[in-house]
Amino acid sequence: MIEPVSYRSRARLDLLEQFVWFGEHASVEIAERFFTAVDETCARLVHYPQSGVPHISGVGSLEGVRKSKVRGFPPFLIFYLPRAGGIDLIRVLHGARDLDAILAEAE
């Protein structure tokens, strides 16, 4: 059985890095809330994959990528590809970063 949310390796690393950052600069409770918020946002996207906004960029490899704010953590964006039965989670990034440059990097 295919999982409804597949995590690319870079998305897993993004989540781990953010968890550590929140743990060091805020609290473990906030870090755990962030993980929960990402899970809940992904669950919503599995049911409504077209609800995210298309990510428009000049990078061909990003064609079809959509983005959605992490509920409760609006500066953070989930980048994903809708697929049959779920989503492919590509990255989880803070919106103030150079998103196109980061997303264009090879995984």
Foldseek 3Di string as FASTA:
>chain_A
DDDQEAEDPQAVVQLVVVCVVCCVPPNNVVSVVQVVLVVVVQVVCLVVVVPFAQDDDPQPVSPQWGWDARVPRRQKIWIWHDDVRHIYTYHIGGNVDPVVVVSNDDD
